[in-house]
């Protein structure tokens, strides 16, 4: 079934509102608070989102310009998110808040008028337009998690996690490519429990390699906002364990992730046991 672009954009708008609710009370000092991403403040997280919102709109509406910009970036050594963050580090709270609001509003208004069959060039493989929207939702949720962690806020998970989980599953081969390794042809069954108790599944039902557990834990892991030991997942089989050890739902080089025990396991579960690789 083709993805419903309108529904995806509505979910992205809702995820944006949830993020804005976190940052709305913050003054300049609040925006300078460090987040769990080493060296990054809350302001850096928002600047990152605004920058890539503008970039993906360019990619969708003027692919030739984007490809030319990408070639310049690649000639200079590739995309460097640290350099991008430093570029806007001196901006005040109101400037950053306004930039992100304008960039996200333009993305939502432009994308709703585009053909869902459009292919969008990117820094990795080209994406369908719905996939590009899903990627922005995933990024918004993941960077929002960094901000929530910085503020000591416990976010209420929503059904929008399914989009994050889906892109995490779809990025399995990319996770291997990011580490310079070929993806194995062994199927993995993923069974996740959504926030309302619903079951979300991917992969063949009879696959011996399996990943089960809370959708929140899986999403935190594939966005590298939690360590594998703190995701609360049950992992069976060598292929499943290998994938989860390098899982990455975002473009770019592998991140440092988080340290084991840095955060509690979602839902107050006990710490996950070592994966069963039999």
Protein backbone atom coordinates (compact mmCIF):
# COMPACT_ATOMS: atom_id res chain seq x y z
CA UNK A 1 0.00 0.00 0.00
CA UNK A 2 1.46 3.41 -0.96
CA UNK A 3 2.37 5.68 1.92
CA UNK A 4 -0.19 8.37 2.77
CA UNK A 5 1.82 11.56 2.36
CA UNK A 6 -0.86 13.71 3.98
CA UNK A 7 -0.96 11.50 7.08
CA UNK A 8 2.84 11.51 7.29
CA UNK A 9 2.95 15.30 7.12
CA UNK A 10 0.27 15.54 9.81
CA UNK A 11 2.35 13.27 12.05
CA UNK A 12 5.44 15.38 11.35
CA UNK A 13 3.48 18.49 12.33
CA UNK A 14 2.43 16.80 15.57
CA UNK A 15 6.02 15.74 16.32
CA UNK A 16 7.11 19.32 15.65
CA UNK A 17 4.52 20.63 18.11
CA UNK A 18 5.77 18.19 20.75
CA UNK A 19 9.33 19.42 20.24
CA UNK A 20 8.28 23.08 20.36
CA UNK A 21 6.52 22.44 23.68
CA UNK A 22 9.87 21.37 25.14
CA UNK A 23 11.79 24.42 23.95
CA UNK A 24 9.12 27.14 24.31
CA UNK A 25 9.91 27.96 27.97
CA UNK A 26 13.68 28.21 27.40
CA UNK A 27 15.59 31.49 27.49
CA UNK A 28 19.07 32.00 26.02
CA UNK A 29 20.70 30.27 29.00
CA UNK A 30 18.30 27.35 28.68
CA UNK A 31 19.20 26.90 25.01
CA UNK A 32 22.88 26.67 25.99
CA UNK A 33 22.33 23.63 28.20
CA UNK A 34 24.45 20.62 27.16
CA UNK A 35 22.68 17.55 25.81
CA UNK A 36 23.85 13.91 25.90
CA UNK A 37 25.32 14.39 22.40
CA UNK A 38 28.95 15.27 23.24
CA UNK A 39 29.64 18.97 22.69
CA UNK A 40 26.09 19.76 21.57
CA UNK A 41 23.70 22.15 23.30
CA UNK A 42 19.94 22.35 22.91
CA UNK A 43 20.55 25.22 20.46
CA UNK A 44 22.79 22.96 18.36
CA UNK A 45 20.04 20.35 18.15
CA UNK A 46 17.51 22.87 16.85
CA UNK A 47 19.96 24.44 14.42
CA UNK A 48 20.72 20.98 13.04
CA UNK A 49 17.03 20.33 12.37
CA UNK A 50 16.50 23.73 10.73
CA UNK A 51 19.55 23.34 8.48
CA UNK A 52 18.49 19.94 7.17
CA UNK A 53 14.86 21.02 6.77
CA UNK A 54 16.08 23.73 4.38
CA UNK A 55 18.40 21.26 2.68
CA UNK A 56 15.74 18.63 2.02
CA UNK A 57 13.36 21.26 0.63
CA UNK A 58 16.13 22.26 -1.78
CA UNK A 59 16.67 18.60 -2.71
CA UNK A 60 12.97 18.11 -3.43
CA UNK A 61 12.32 21.36 -5.31
CA UNK A 62 15.68 22.04 -7.02
CA UNK A 63 17.57 18.74 -7.24
CA UNK A 64 20.21 20.17 -9.58
CA UNK A 65 21.14 22.83 -7.03
CA UNK A 66 21.21 20.26 -4.24
CA UNK A 67 23.43 17.89 -6.25
CA UNK A 68 25.84 20.75 -6.97
CA UNK A 69 25.94 21.66 -3.27
CA UNK A 70 26.42 18.02 -2.33
CA UNK A 71 29.36 17.73 -4.74
CA UNK A 72 31.03 20.72 -3.06
CA UNK A 73 30.46 19.20 0.37
CA UNK A 74 31.85 15.83 -0.73
CA UNK A 75 34.90 17.51 -2.32
CA UNK A 76 35.57 19.17 1.04
CA UNK A 77 35.51 15.83 2.85
CA UNK A 78 31.80 15.13 3.31
CA UNK A 79 29.02 16.43 5.50
CA UNK A 80 30.30 17.52 8.90
CA UNK A 81 27.52 18.10 11.41
CA UNK A 82 30.00 19.55 13.90
CA UNK A 83 30.94 22.31 11.46
CA UNK A 84 27.27 23.00 10.77
CA UNK A 85 26.49 23.21 14.48
CA UNK A 86 29.38 25.62 15.10
CA UNK A 87 28.15 27.91 12.32
CA UNK A 88 24.99 28.80 14.26
CA UNK A 89 26.25 28.41 17.83
CA UNK A 90 26.23 32.14 18.57
CA UNK A 91 22.60 32.67 17.53
CA UNK A 92 20.17 33.71 20.25
CA UNK A 93 17.14 31.71 21.34
CA UNK A 94 14.66 33.85 19.41
CA UNK A 95 16.71 33.66 16.21
CA UNK A 96 17.04 29.89 16.40
CA UNK A 97 13.41 29.42 17.35
CA UNK A 98 12.33 31.60 14.44
CA UNK A 99 14.64 29.86 11.97
CA UNK A 100 13.40 26.41 12.87
CA UNK A 101 9.75 27.54 12.78
CA UNK A 102 10.21 29.07 9.32
CA UNK A 103 12.15 26.10 7.93
CA UNK A 104 9.70 23.52 9.26
CA UNK A 105 6.64 25.52 8.15
CA UNK A 106 8.06 25.82 4.65
CA UNK A 107 8.83 22.10 4.50
CA UNK A 108 5.28 21.19 5.49
CA UNK A 109 3.69 23.67 3.08
CA UNK A 110 5.93 22.77 0.13
CA UNK A 111 5.81 18.99 0.53
CA UNK A 112 2.02 18.84 0.69
CA UNK A 113 1.89 20.09 -2.91
CA UNK A 114 4.47 17.66 -4.34
CA UNK A 115 3.92 14.35 -6.11
CA UNK A 116 4.30 11.49 -3.58
CA UNK A 117 6.08 9.50 -6.31
CA UNK A 118 8.90 12.07 -6.45
CA UNK A 119 12.41 10.77 -5.79
CA UNK A 120 14.51 13.06 -3.61
CA UNK A 121 18.33 13.00 -3.89
CA UNK A 122 20.15 12.94 -0.58
CA UNK A 123 23.57 12.38 1.00
CA UNK A 124 22.91 8.66 0.92
CA UNK A 125 20.65 6.89 -1.58
CA UNK A 126 17.80 8.88 -3.15
CA UNK A 127 14.52 8.61 -1.23
CA UNK A 128 10.85 8.68 -2.08
CA UNK A 129 9.08 11.81 -0.86
CA UNK A 130 7.25 9.87 1.91
CA UNK A 131 10.60 8.42 3.02
CA UNK A 132 12.07 11.93 3.16
CA UNK A 133 9.19 13.03 5.41
CA UNK A 134 9.63 9.94 7.59
CA UNK A 135 13.33 10.75 7.91
CA UNK A 136 12.52 14.28 9.09
CA UNK A 137 10.08 12.87 11.65
CA UNK A 138 12.70 10.41 12.87
CA UNK A 139 15.29 13.20 13.18
CA UNK A 140 12.82 15.46 14.98
CA UNK A 141 11.97 12.71 17.46
CA UNK A 142 15.62 11.72 18.00
CA UNK A 143 16.92 15.25 18.55
CA UNK A 144 13.87 15.92 20.69
CA UNK A 145 14.98 12.98 22.84
CA UNK A 146 18.36 14.63 23.35
CA UNK A 147 16.58 17.81 24.44
CA UNK A 148 14.22 15.93 26.75
CA UNK A 149 17.19 14.14 28.31
CA UNK A 150 18.98 17.46 28.80
CA UNK A 151 15.92 18.89 30.55
CA UNK A 152 15.26 15.74 32.60
CA UNK A 153 11.83 15.35 30.98
CA UNK A 154 10.11 12.00 30.44
CA UNK A 155 8.26 12.16 27.11
CA UNK A 156 5.03 10.25 26.57
CA UNK A 157 5.57 7.89 23.60
CA UNK A 158 3.03 8.09 20.78
CA UNK A 159 1.98 6.03 17.78
CA UNK A 160 4.37 8.15 15.70
CA UNK A 161 7.10 5.83 16.96
CA UNK A 162 6.00 3.41 14.25
CA UNK A 163 7.55 5.71 11.64
CA UNK A 164 10.83 5.77 13.56
CA UNK A 165 10.81 1.99 13.95
CA UNK A 166 10.02 1.51 10.26
CA UNK A 167 12.96 3.60 9.11
CA UNK A 168 15.15 1.78 11.62
CA UNK A 169 14.19 -1.57 10.09
CA UNK A 170 14.55 -0.26 6.54
CA UNK A 171 18.04 1.06 7.34
CA UNK A 172 19.46 -2.36 8.23
CA UNK A 173 21.60 -2.59 5.08
CA UNK A 174 22.70 1.03 5.51
CA UNK A 175 23.86 0.25 9.06
CA UNK A 176 26.29 -2.29 7.64
CA UNK A 177 27.39 0.00 4.80
CA UNK A 178 28.19 2.73 7.35
CA UNK A 179 30.66 0.31 8.92
CA UNK A 180 32.10 -0.80 5.58
CA UNK A 181 30.57 -4.25 5.86
CA UNK A 182 28.21 -6.20 3.57
CA UNK A 183 24.74 -6.84 4.94
CA UNK A 184 23.99 -10.54 5.49
CA UNK A 185 21.12 -12.12 3.60
CA UNK A 186 19.70 -13.64 6.78
CA UNK A 187 16.16 -12.40 7.51
CA UNK A 188 15.31 -10.99 10.91
CA UNK A 189 11.84 -10.88 12.44
CA UNK A 190 11.09 -7.68 14.38
CA UNK A 191 8.10 -7.64 16.77
CA UNK A 192 7.60 -4.44 18.74
CA UNK A 193 4.94 -3.43 21.21
CA UNK A 194 3.61 0.05 20.51
CA UNK A 195 2.65 2.59 23.19
CA UNK A 196 -0.99 1.48 23.18
CA UNK A 197 -0.15 -2.22 23.35
CA UNK A 198 -0.48 -2.86 19.62
CA UNK A 199 1.98 -5.22 17.90
CA UNK A 200 4.11 -3.89 15.03
CA UNK A 201 5.93 -6.45 12.93
CA UNK A 202 8.50 -6.63 10.13
CA UNK A 203 10.19 -9.61 8.48
CA UNK A 204 9.12 -13.24 8.03
CA UNK A 205 7.22 -14.75 10.94
CA UNK A 206 9.27 -17.96 10.90
CA UNK A 207 12.71 -16.34 10.95
CA UNK A 208 14.85 -17.81 13.76
CA UNK A 209 16.64 -14.49 14.22
CA UNK A 210 14.27 -12.25 16.16
CA UNK A 211 14.06 -8.91 17.94
CA UNK A 212 11.16 -8.36 20.33
CA UNK A 213 10.33 -5.77 22.94
CA UNK A 214 9.04 -2.21 23.37
CA UNK A 215 8.92 0.00 20.29
CA UNK A 216 10.34 2.83 22.38
CA UNK A 217 13.47 0.84 23.22
CA UNK A 218 13.99 -0.15 19.59
CA UNK A 219 13.58 3.44 18.41
CA UNK A 220 15.98 4.74 21.06
CA UNK A 221 18.52 2.13 19.97
CA UNK A 222 18.35 2.62 16.18
CA UNK A 223 18.65 6.39 16.62
CA UNK A 224 21.60 5.72 18.99
CA UNK A 225 19.95 7.56 21.90
CA UNK A 226 20.34 4.50 24.14
CA UNK A 227 22.91 1.75 24.44
CA UNK A 228 21.89 -1.75 23.42
CA UNK A 229 22.08 -2.87 27.05
CA UNK A 230 19.47 -0.25 28.00
CA UNK A 231 16.93 -0.78 25.20
CA UNK A 232 14.93 -3.54 26.90
CA UNK A 233 14.96 -5.76 23.81
CA UNK A 234 15.08 -9.55 23.55
CA UNK A 235 17.45 -10.52 20.74
CA UNK A 236 17.77 -14.04 19.37
CA UNK A 237 20.28 -15.16 16.76
CA UNK A 238 23.69 -13.98 15.60
CA UNK A 239 22.37 -11.94 12.67
CA UNK A 240 19.92 -10.05 14.87
CA UNK A 241 22.58 -9.41 17.51
CA UNK A 242 25.09 -8.20 14.94
CA UNK A 243 22.56 -5.79 13.43
CA UNK A 244 21.50 -4.33 16.76
CA UNK A 245 25.13 -3.73 17.72
CA UNK A 246 25.55 -1.34 14.75
CA UNK A 247 21.95 -0.21 14.09
CA UNK A 248 21.73 3.30 12.66
CA UNK A 249 18.59 4.96 11.29
CA UNK A 250 20.22 8.25 10.26
CA UNK A 251 22.47 9.21 7.32
CA UNK A 252 26.13 9.94 7.84
CA UNK A 253 28.96 8.17 9.67
CA UNK A 254 28.28 6.04 12.75
CA UNK A 255 27.75 8.03 15.92
CA UNK A 256 29.29 7.48 19.31
CA UNK A 257 25.93 6.47 20.74
CA UNK A 258 25.39 6.38 24.50
CA UNK A 259 27.17 4.55 27.29
CA UNK A 260 25.62 1.49 28.95
CA UNK A 261 23.76 2.48 32.10
CA UNK A 262 23.69 6.16 31.12
CA UNK A 263 19.87 6.07 31.10
CA UNK A 264 17.27 3.73 32.61
CA UNK A 265 15.67 1.02 30.52
CA UNK A 266 12.31 2.20 29.05
CA UNK A 267 9.28 1.37 31.14
CA UNK A 268 11.27 0.54 34.24
CA UNK A 269 12.21 -2.89 32.89
CA UNK A 270 15.25 -4.71 34.18
CA UNK A 271 18.44 -4.30 32.18
CA UNK A 272 18.44 -6.42 29.05
CA UNK A 273 20.41 -9.67 29.16
CA UNK A 274 23.18 -10.38 26.67
CA UNK A 275 21.74 -11.26 23.23
CA UNK A 276 21.10 -14.94 22.55
CA UNK A 277 23.27 -15.69 19.50
CA UNK A 278 22.52 -19.40 19.24
